[in-house]
């Protein structure tokens, strides 16, 4: 498939905006995550200034955003024009007619010159580009320097050739645990969530958990690699007792920020959070299983044209303006702390001195991971159903459920929910 690029020079941008103005569109409504409102506001205002098109930027918390999109789509609401799209939901939104394909609007050059391969893959379904990426995500291993030092443990390496293994980390974490003082050895950022835990079976060669067609999980969740990864996860909570039960993803970062966790695999968005918490932390490359390969999570928010909009042309111009501009990508990086998907913005990280110094060096490490170890989440139109069921299954394992039994039951439930897509 040939996807045409959206790489826009200043001249192309000016031409694009002039075209929108000439068409006389006057307003675009955009549904976004509430965290993106402030970073995007200056660029939306610039878009309005250049085109005369007003943008109603409506922000929602994560779960509310997804629910609102579902409700507005079922109602075929023509008052919505542009929406944030969580990367793994691109196939689902495309198949269900929630977003429109971008092909009629994208221009005439190669997208590989604009975004990372993983971002292009995430925004594409069945040979068509549906939702260009606004930003990306990357995973790091955060660690508490004081706790490691007190336990006589060396700090993990940022050298890819010296990357720590999960086995070594688990051994070290047991030396850190201090139940009397509420100190734990390991805490996952998005505990019991597929995004955070997918790299465990992937590191062992187990695959994403979904077949190549995206319509079945039969055998994909019960292969030896998935069972071994799930057993490792079980052991952290139930055998070695190095991780706490009952802590939600929303609470996990506060535990590390309070100095109560030795190792914390998590996203780059935590860098500013831990600086503000004044915890003495370091960053390193994410672990991998001995005998396996390094794998990290990736992808984040994309932007799509709402398929029920009567204003698709102007909506598409806003989508391209926000996702193709190097200036927007860099400003969004520095305003939101989110890793870019834009190649020029990633180059900016590599070439800007502050990103080679602590703590911003974490972005450089994540940049390395996004280019070398990042794996896109399962590609399936049933992702909503898949994610909900598998997240509940991870939580069951966390709370003592037998990994083999839980995964077998999970396969049955997910395959049943996928039947309407087969």
Protein backbone atom coordinates (compact mmCIF):
# COMPACT_ATOMS: atom_id res chain seq x y z
CA UNK A 1 0.00 0.00 0.00
CA UNK A 2 1.14 3.52 -0.75
CA UNK A 3 0.18 6.01 1.94
CA UNK A 4 0.79 9.53 0.82
CA UNK A 5 2.72 11.77 3.15
CA UNK A 6 1.39 14.71 5.07
CA UNK A 7 4.80 16.36 5.41
CA UNK A 8 3.98 20.02 5.12
CA UNK A 9 6.44 22.81 4.50
CA UNK A 10 5.35 26.32 5.40
CA UNK A 11 4.22 26.81 1.81
CA UNK A 12 2.10 23.67 1.84
CA UNK A 13 0.56 24.66 5.16
CA UNK A 14 -0.31 28.11 3.85
CA UNK A 15 -1.86 26.60 0.73
CA UNK A 16 -3.86 24.13 2.82
CA UNK A 17 -5.24 26.85 5.09
CA UNK A 18 -6.05 29.11 2.17
CA UNK A 19 -8.05 26.29 0.60
CA UNK A 20 -10.14 25.89 3.74
CA UNK A 21 -10.81 29.63 3.94
CA UNK A 22 -11.94 29.70 0.34
CA UNK A 23 -14.50 27.00 1.08
CA UNK A 24 -16.17 29.22 3.64
CA UNK A 25 -16.39 26.73 6.53
CA UNK A 26 -16.89 28.62 9.77
CA UNK A 27 -16.76 26.19 12.70
CA UNK A 28 -15.32 22.80 13.65
CA UNK A 29 -16.12 20.94 16.88
CA UNK A 30 -13.32 18.74 18.25
CA UNK A 31 -13.58 16.23 21.11
CA UNK A 32 -10.24 15.72 22.91
CA UNK A 33 -8.79 14.48 26.18
CA UNK A 34 -8.91 17.16 28.85
CA UNK A 35 -5.11 16.91 29.26
CA UNK A 36 -4.65 18.11 25.67
CA UNK A 37 -6.76 21.27 25.82
CA UNK A 38 -4.09 23.66 27.07
CA UNK A 39 -1.22 22.35 24.87
CA UNK A 40 -3.44 22.46 21.77
CA UNK A 41 -5.18 25.76 22.44
CA UNK A 42 -2.47 28.06 20.94
CA UNK A 43 -2.36 25.99 17.76
CA UNK A 44 -6.12 25.82 17.42
CA UNK A 45 -6.16 29.61 17.80
CA UNK A 46 -3.49 29.90 15.10
CA UNK A 47 -5.61 27.70 12.84
CA UNK A 48 -8.60 29.97 13.44
CA UNK A 49 -6.52 33.10 12.85
CA UNK A 50 -5.23 31.74 9.56
CA UNK A 51 -8.50 30.35 8.24
CA UNK A 52 -11.36 32.16 9.95
CA UNK A 53 -12.65 28.77 11.07
CA UNK A 54 -13.59 28.67 14.74
CA UNK A 55 -12.73 25.52 16.68
CA UNK A 56 -14.83 24.42 19.62
CA UNK A 57 -12.30 22.40 21.63
CA UNK A 58 -14.16 20.18 24.11
CA UNK A 59 -12.07 18.29 26.69
CA UNK A 60 -13.06 15.14 28.59
CA UNK A 61 -11.41 12.75 31.06
CA UNK A 62 -10.17 9.55 29.38
CA UNK A 63 -13.12 7.22 30.06
CA UNK A 64 -15.66 10.00 29.55
CA UNK A 65 -14.08 10.82 26.18
CA UNK A 66 -14.46 7.24 24.94
CA UNK A 67 -18.03 7.03 26.21
CA UNK A 68 -18.95 10.38 24.67
CA UNK A 69 -17.59 9.32 21.29
CA UNK A 70 -19.63 6.10 21.44
CA UNK A 71 -22.83 7.98 22.34
CA UNK A 72 -22.34 10.67 19.68
CA UNK A 73 -21.55 8.01 17.07
CA UNK A 74 -24.68 5.98 17.86
CA UNK A 75 -26.70 9.18 17.52
CA UNK A 76 -24.91 9.98 14.22
CA UNK A 77 -24.36 13.44 15.64
CA UNK A 78 -23.56 15.93 12.90
CA UNK A 79 -22.36 18.54 15.39
CA UNK A 80 -19.06 16.66 15.95
CA UNK A 81 -16.33 17.02 13.32
CA UNK A 82 -12.99 15.87 14.78
CA UNK A 83 -12.23 13.37 17.55
CA UNK A 84 -9.28 12.07 19.50
CA UNK A 85 -8.72 8.39 18.68
CA UNK A 86 -6.91 6.07 21.09
CA UNK A 87 -4.48 4.26 18.76
CA UNK A 88 -5.70 0.66 19.26
CA UNK A 89 -9.28 1.77 18.55
CA UNK A 90 -8.53 2.79 14.96
CA UNK A 91 -9.68 -0.59 13.51
CA UNK A 92 -12.82 -0.55 15.65
CA UNK A 93 -13.73 3.02 14.70
CA UNK A 94 -13.00 2.34 11.03
CA UNK A 95 -15.06 -0.87 10.82
CA UNK A 96 -17.98 0.67 12.73
CA UNK A 97 -18.02 3.85 10.64
CA UNK A 98 -17.11 6.24 13.45
CA UNK A 99 -14.21 7.84 11.58
CA UNK A 100 -13.78 8.61 7.89
CA UNK A 101 -10.76 7.57 5.80
CA UNK A 102 -8.20 10.31 5.30
CA UNK A 103 -7.17 9.28 1.78
CA UNK A 104 -9.20 11.96 -0.04
CA UNK A 105 -7.44 14.71 1.92
CA UNK A 106 -3.81 13.74 2.50
CA UNK A 107 -1.76 15.24 -0.29
CA UNK A 108 0.97 13.70 -2.38
CA UNK A 109 4.13 12.60 -0.53
CA UNK A 110 5.27 9.57 1.53
CA UNK A 111 4.05 9.32 5.15
CA UNK A 112 7.18 7.36 6.08
CA UNK A 113 9.00 10.70 5.97
CA UNK A 114 6.66 12.16 8.56
CA UNK A 115 5.90 9.64 11.33
CA UNK A 116 7.41 6.61 13.00
CA UNK A 117 6.51 3.23 11.43
CA UNK A 118 4.59 2.19 14.55
CA UNK A 119 2.49 5.36 14.39
CA UNK A 120 1.70 4.84 10.72
CA UNK A 121 0.76 1.22 11.41
CA UNK A 122 -1.48 2.24 14.30
CA UNK A 123 -3.33 4.84 12.23
CA UNK A 124 -3.91 2.46 9.33
CA UNK A 125 -6.44 -0.31 8.80
CA UNK A 126 -6.88 -2.55 5.77
CA UNK A 127 -4.62 -0.44 3.58
CA UNK A 128 -6.12 2.95 4.41
CA UNK A 129 -5.02 5.79 6.65
CA UNK A 130 -7.81 6.64 9.08
CA UNK A 131 -6.26 8.69 11.89
CA UNK A 132 -2.87 10.49 11.82
CA UNK A 133 -0.96 10.50 15.14
CA UNK A 134 -0.78 13.52 17.40
CA UNK A 135 1.78 11.94 19.73
CA UNK A 136 3.34 8.67 20.79
CA UNK A 137 4.19 6.98 24.08
CA UNK A 138 7.28 5.28 25.41
CA UNK A 139 8.12 3.09 28.38
CA UNK A 140 11.01 3.45 30.81
CA UNK A 141 12.18 1.76 33.98
CA UNK A 142 12.06 4.31 36.79
CA UNK A 143 13.89 3.38 39.97
CA UNK A 144 14.37 4.83 43.44
CA UNK A 145 18.08 5.52 43.91
CA UNK A 146 17.87 5.63 47.70
CA UNK A 147 16.07 2.30 48.03
CA UNK A 148 18.42 0.53 45.64
CA UNK A 149 21.46 1.95 47.40
CA UNK A 150 20.18 0.92 50.84
CA UNK A 151 19.69 -2.65 49.58
CA UNK A 152 23.18 -2.73 48.01
CA UNK A 153 21.78 -2.99 44.49
CA UNK A 154 23.48 -1.44 41.45
CA UNK A 155 21.42 0.97 39.38
CA UNK A 156 20.06 -0.55 36.14
CA UNK A 157 21.82 0.38 32.92
CA UNK A 158 20.75 2.64 30.08
CA UNK A 159 23.08 0.77 27.73
CA UNK A 160 21.04 -1.52 25.43
CA UNK A 161 23.78 -4.16 25.72
CA UNK A 162 23.46 -4.14 29.53
CA UNK A 163 19.68 -3.99 29.87
CA UNK A 164 18.40 -5.57 33.10
CA UNK A 165 16.25 -8.72 32.86
CA UNK A 166 12.91 -9.25 34.55
CA UNK A 167 14.44 -12.18 36.42
CA UNK A 168 17.22 -10.00 37.83
CA UNK A 169 14.77 -7.24 38.70
CA UNK A 170 12.52 -9.66 40.59
CA UNK A 171 15.48 -10.94 42.63
CA UNK A 172 16.55 -7.39 43.46
CA UNK A 173 13.02 -6.30 44.30
CA UNK A 174 12.77 -8.93 47.03
CA UNK A 175 15.74 -7.30 48.76
CA UNK A 176 14.01 -3.91 48.71
CA UNK A 177 10.69 -4.90 50.26
CA UNK A 178 10.16 -3.49 53.76
CA UNK A 179 6.59 -4.23 54.82
CA UNK A 180 6.96 -2.52 58.16
CA UNK A 181 7.54 0.78 56.36
CA UNK A 182 5.23 0.09 53.42
CA UNK A 183 8.06 -0.23 50.89
CA UNK A 184 7.60 -2.41 47.80
CA UNK A 185 10.06 -3.75 45.28
CA UNK A 186 8.04 -3.39 42.08
CA UNK A 187 5.01 -1.41 40.96
CA UNK A 188 3.70 -1.31 37.40
CA UNK A 189 2.45 2.09 36.25
CA UNK A 190 -0.78 0.97 34.56
CA UNK A 191 -1.16 -2.11 36.72
CA UNK A 192 -3.42 -4.85 35.27
CA UNK A 193 -3.76 -3.00 31.95
CA UNK A 194 -2.91 -4.56 28.61
CA UNK A 195 -0.92 -1.54 27.41
CA UNK A 196 1.49 -1.91 30.33
CA UNK A 197 1.71 -5.71 30.38
CA UNK A 198 1.72 -6.65 26.68
CA UNK A 199 5.56 -6.38 26.58
CA UNK A 200 5.85 -9.32 29.02
CA UNK A 201 4.55 -12.06 26.68
CA UNK A 202 5.89 -10.21 23.63
CA UNK A 203 9.40 -10.34 25.13
CA UNK A 204 9.07 -14.13 25.25
CA UNK A 205 7.81 -14.33 21.66
CA UNK A 206 4.17 -14.86 22.60
CA UNK A 207 2.65 -12.30 20.25
CA UNK A 208 0.03 -9.64 20.91
CA UNK A 209 -2.69 -12.04 22.04
CA UNK A 210 -4.73 -11.68 18.83
CA UNK A 211 -4.33 -13.54 15.53
CA UNK A 212 -3.07 -11.86 12.35
CA UNK A 213 -6.61 -11.24 11.05
CA UNK A 214 -7.66 -9.56 14.28
CA UNK A 215 -10.71 -11.78 14.64
CA UNK A 216 -9.64 -14.53 17.08
CA UNK A 217 -7.54 -15.14 20.18
CA UNK A 218 -7.75 -18.93 20.06
CA UNK A 219 -4.34 -20.25 21.13
CA UNK A 220 -2.96 -16.70 21.21
CA UNK A 221 -3.38 -16.25 24.97
CA UNK A 222 -2.59 -19.79 26.10
CA UNK A 223 0.72 -20.34 24.33
CA UNK A 224 3.73 -21.06 26.59
CA UNK A 225 5.03 -17.48 26.39
CA UNK A 226 1.75 -15.96 27.58
CA UNK A 227 1.47 -18.52 30.36
CA UNK A 228 5.04 -17.82 31.51
CA UNK A 229 4.49 -14.06 31.43
CA UNK A 230 1.20 -14.36 33.32
CA UNK A 231 2.89 -16.60 35.88
CA UNK A 232 5.61 -14.00 36.37
CA UNK A 233 2.89 -11.39 36.94
CA UNK A 234 1.15 -13.70 39.40
CA UNK A 235 4.39 -14.30 41.29
CA UNK A 236 5.10 -10.60 41.79
CA UNK A 237 1.90 -10.30 43.84
CA UNK A 238 1.40 -13.78 45.28
CA UNK A 239 4.71 -15.66 45.49
CA UNK A 240 7.46 -13.10 45.94
CA UNK A 241 5.07 -10.44 47.32
CA UNK A 242 7.11 -7.63 45.81
CA UNK A 243 4.09 -5.76 44.43
CA UNK A 244 1.04 -4.47 46.31
CA UNK A 245 -2.52 -5.58 45.66
CA UNK A 246 -5.36 -3.09 45.73
CA UNK A 247 -3.44 -0.16 44.20
CA UNK A 248 -5.13 1.21 41.08
CA UNK A 249 -3.37 2.61 37.99
CA UNK A 250 -4.47 6.07 39.12
CA UNK A 251 -2.73 5.56 42.48
CA UNK A 252 0.48 3.81 41.41
CA UNK A 253 2.56 6.89 40.56
CA UNK A 254 1.81 8.48 43.93
CA UNK A 255 3.26 5.41 45.64
CA UNK A 256 6.52 5.73 43.72
CA UNK A 257 6.52 9.50 44.18
CA UNK A 258 6.28 8.99 47.94
CA UNK A 259 9.48 6.93 47.90
CA UNK A 260 7.72 3.62 48.57
CA UNK A 261 8.68 1.64 45.43
CA UNK A 262 12.06 0.42 44.20
CA UNK A 263 11.30 -0.25 40.51
CA UNK A 264 8.53 1.38 38.49
CA UNK A 265 8.08 0.45 34.80
CA UNK A 266 6.07 3.32 33.38
CA UNK A 267 5.48 5.94 30.74
CA UNK A 268 7.46 9.07 29.94
CA UNK A 269 4.58 11.19 31.27
CA UNK A 270 5.86 10.33 34.76
CA UNK A 271 9.12 12.26 34.35
CA UNK A 272 7.69 15.67 35.27
CA UNK A 273 5.47 14.06 37.90
CA UNK A 274 8.41 12.51 39.76
CA UNK A 275 10.51 15.66 39.48
CA UNK A 276 7.68 17.56 41.15
CA UNK A 277 7.40 14.85 43.81
CA UNK A 278 11.08 15.43 44.65
CA UNK A 279 11.76 11.69 44.83
CA UNK A 280 15.38 10.67 44.17
CA UNK A 281 14.84 8.65 41.00
CA UNK A 282 16.70 7.45 37.93
CA UNK A 283 15.62 6.19 34.51
CA UNK A 284 16.81 3.17 32.56
CA UNK A 285 15.72 0.94 29.70
CA UNK A 286 12.77 -1.38 30.28
CA UNK A 287 13.63 -4.98 31.28
CA UNK A 288 13.25 -8.06 29.12
CA UNK A 289 13.10 -11.78 29.86
CA UNK A 290 16.34 -13.75 29.76
CA UNK A 291 16.50 -15.57 26.44
CA UNK A 292 13.83 -13.28 24.98
CA UNK A 293 14.01 -9.87 23.35
CA UNK A 294 13.44 -6.31 24.56
CA UNK A 295 9.90 -5.10 23.85
CA UNK A 296 8.19 -1.87 24.91
CA UNK A 297 4.69 -0.49 24.61
CA UNK A 298 3.97 2.33 22.22
CA UNK A 299 1.29 4.41 20.46
CA UNK A 300 -0.94 7.03 21.97
CA UNK A 301 -3.45 9.53 20.64
CA UNK A 302 -4.40 9.97 17.01
CA UNK A 303 -6.90 12.38 15.48
CA UNK A 304 -9.69 11.44 13.09
CA UNK A 305 -12.51 12.99 11.10
CA UNK A 306 -15.88 12.07 12.63
CA UNK A 307 -17.71 10.15 9.93
CA UNK A 308 -21.10 11.77 10.60
CA UNK A 309 -19.77 15.31 10.19
CA UNK A 310 -21.23 17.49 7.45
CA UNK A 311 -17.98 19.45 7.48
CA UNK A 312 -15.43 16.76 6.64
CA UNK A 313 -13.27 18.91 4.37
CA UNK A 314 -12.59 21.55 7.02
CA UNK A 315 -12.32 18.85 9.70
CA UNK A 316 -9.64 17.06 7.69
CA UNK A 317 -7.68 20.29 7.30
CA UNK A 318 -7.64 20.74 11.08
CA UNK A 319 -6.53 17.13 11.55
CA UNK A 320 -3.65 17.60 9.10
CA UNK A 321 -2.68 20.95 10.56
CA UNK A 322 -2.32 19.50 14.06
CA UNK A 323 -0.59 16.26 13.09
CA UNK A 324 1.74 17.27 10.25
CA UNK A 325 3.44 20.36 11.64
CA UNK A 326 6.87 20.02 13.22
CA UNK A 327 6.18 23.14 15.28
CA UNK A 328 2.98 21.67 16.72
CA UNK A 329 4.73 18.36 17.48
CA UNK A 330 7.58 20.04 19.36
CA UNK A 331 5.27 22.40 21.22
CA UNK A 332 3.03 19.48 22.22
CA UNK A 333 6.08 17.58 23.49
CA UNK A 334 7.17 20.47 25.67
CA UNK A 335 3.68 21.45 26.74
CA UNK A 336 2.31 18.02 27.57
CA UNK A 337 5.41 15.90 28.23
CA UNK A 338 4.22 13.34 25.68
CA UNK A 339 6.65 11.61 23.33
CA UNK A 340 6.19 12.69 19.68
CA UNK A 341 5.31 10.43 16.77
CA UNK A 342 6.62 13.07 14.35
CA UNK A 343 10.10 12.24 13.02
CA UNK A 344 11.32 15.84 12.99
CA UNK A 345 10.24 16.28 16.61
CA UNK A 346 12.10 13.09 17.55
CA UNK A 347 15.14 14.50 15.76
CA UNK A 348 14.70 17.64 17.86
CA UNK A 349 15.01 15.49 21.00
CA UNK A 350 18.21 13.92 19.69
CA UNK A 351 19.76 17.28 18.81
CA UNK A 352 18.70 19.41 21.80
CA UNK A 353 21.21 19.38 24.70
CA UNK A 354 18.66 19.44 27.52
CA UNK A 355 17.38 16.03 26.39
CA UNK A 356 20.78 14.49 27.00
CA UNK A 357 20.70 15.51 30.66
CA UNK A 358 18.74 14.13 33.58
CA UNK A 359 15.77 13.99 33.90
CA UNK A 360 14.84 14.77 30.27
CA UNK A 361 17.26 12.09 29.09
CA UNK A 362 14.30 9.81 29.71
CA UNK A 363 12.82 11.09 26.46
CA UNK A 364 15.99 10.16 24.62
CA UNK A 365 15.79 6.64 26.06
CA UNK A 366 12.13 6.40 25.06
CA UNK A 367 13.08 7.71 21.64
CA UNK A 368 15.56 4.83 21.33
CA UNK A 369 12.91 2.34 22.44
CA UNK A 370 10.32 3.68 20.00
CA UNK A 371 12.77 3.14 17.14
CA UNK A 372 14.07 -0.28 18.23
CA UNK A 373 11.78 -2.18 20.61
CA UNK A 374 8.28 -0.69 20.37
CA UNK A 375 5.39 -3.03 19.49
CA UNK A 376 1.91 -1.85 18.56
CA UNK A 377 -0.99 -3.17 20.59
CA UNK A 378 -3.25 -5.89 19.21
CA UNK A 379 -4.82 -4.93 15.88
CA UNK A 380 -8.48 -5.88 15.97
CA UNK A 381 -11.86 -4.22 15.39
CA UNK A 382 -12.90 -5.88 18.65
CA UNK A 383 -10.29 -4.01 20.68
CA UNK A 384 -12.81 -2.47 23.10
CA UNK A 385 -14.10 -5.91 24.03
CA UNK A 386 -10.62 -7.47 24.01
CA UNK A 387 -9.10 -4.84 26.29
CA UNK A 388 -11.92 -4.88 28.83
CA UNK A 389 -11.85 -8.65 29.20
CA UNK A 390 -8.08 -9.04 29.29
CA UNK A 391 -7.66 -6.21 31.80
CA UNK A 392 -10.12 -7.95 34.12
CA UNK A 393 -8.16 -11.17 33.62
CA UNK A 394 -4.88 -9.54 34.60
CA UNK A 395 -6.60 -8.25 37.72
CA UNK A 396 -7.86 -11.77 38.49
CA UNK A 397 -4.31 -13.10 38.20
CA UNK A 398 -3.04 -10.28 40.38
CA UNK A 399 -5.54 -11.31 43.05
CA UNK A 400 -4.48 -14.95 43.04
CA UNK A 401 -6.22 -16.54 40.05
CA UNK A 402 -4.36 -19.45 38.48
CA UNK A 403 -2.69 -18.06 35.31
CA UNK A 404 -3.43 -21.13 33.17
CA UNK A 405 -7.08 -21.25 34.15
CA UNK A 406 -7.63 -17.51 33.83
CA UNK A 407 -6.05 -17.36 30.36
CA UNK A 408 -8.07 -20.34 29.13
CA UNK A 409 -11.31 -18.72 30.31
CA UNK A 410 -10.20 -15.39 28.85
CA UNK A 411 -9.74 -16.90 25.40
CA UNK A 412 -13.28 -18.28 25.45
CA UNK A 413 -14.82 -14.97 26.53
CA UNK A 414 -12.89 -12.86 24.03
CA UNK A 415 -13.47 -15.23 21.12
CA UNK A 416 -17.18 -15.12 21.86
CA UNK A 417 -17.16 -11.31 21.79
CA UNK A 418 -15.29 -11.32 18.47
CA UNK A 419 -17.86 -13.37 16.56
CA UNK A 420 -19.64 -10.34 15.14
CA UNK A 421 -16.42 -9.23 13.46
CA UNK A 422 -15.67 -12.59 11.83
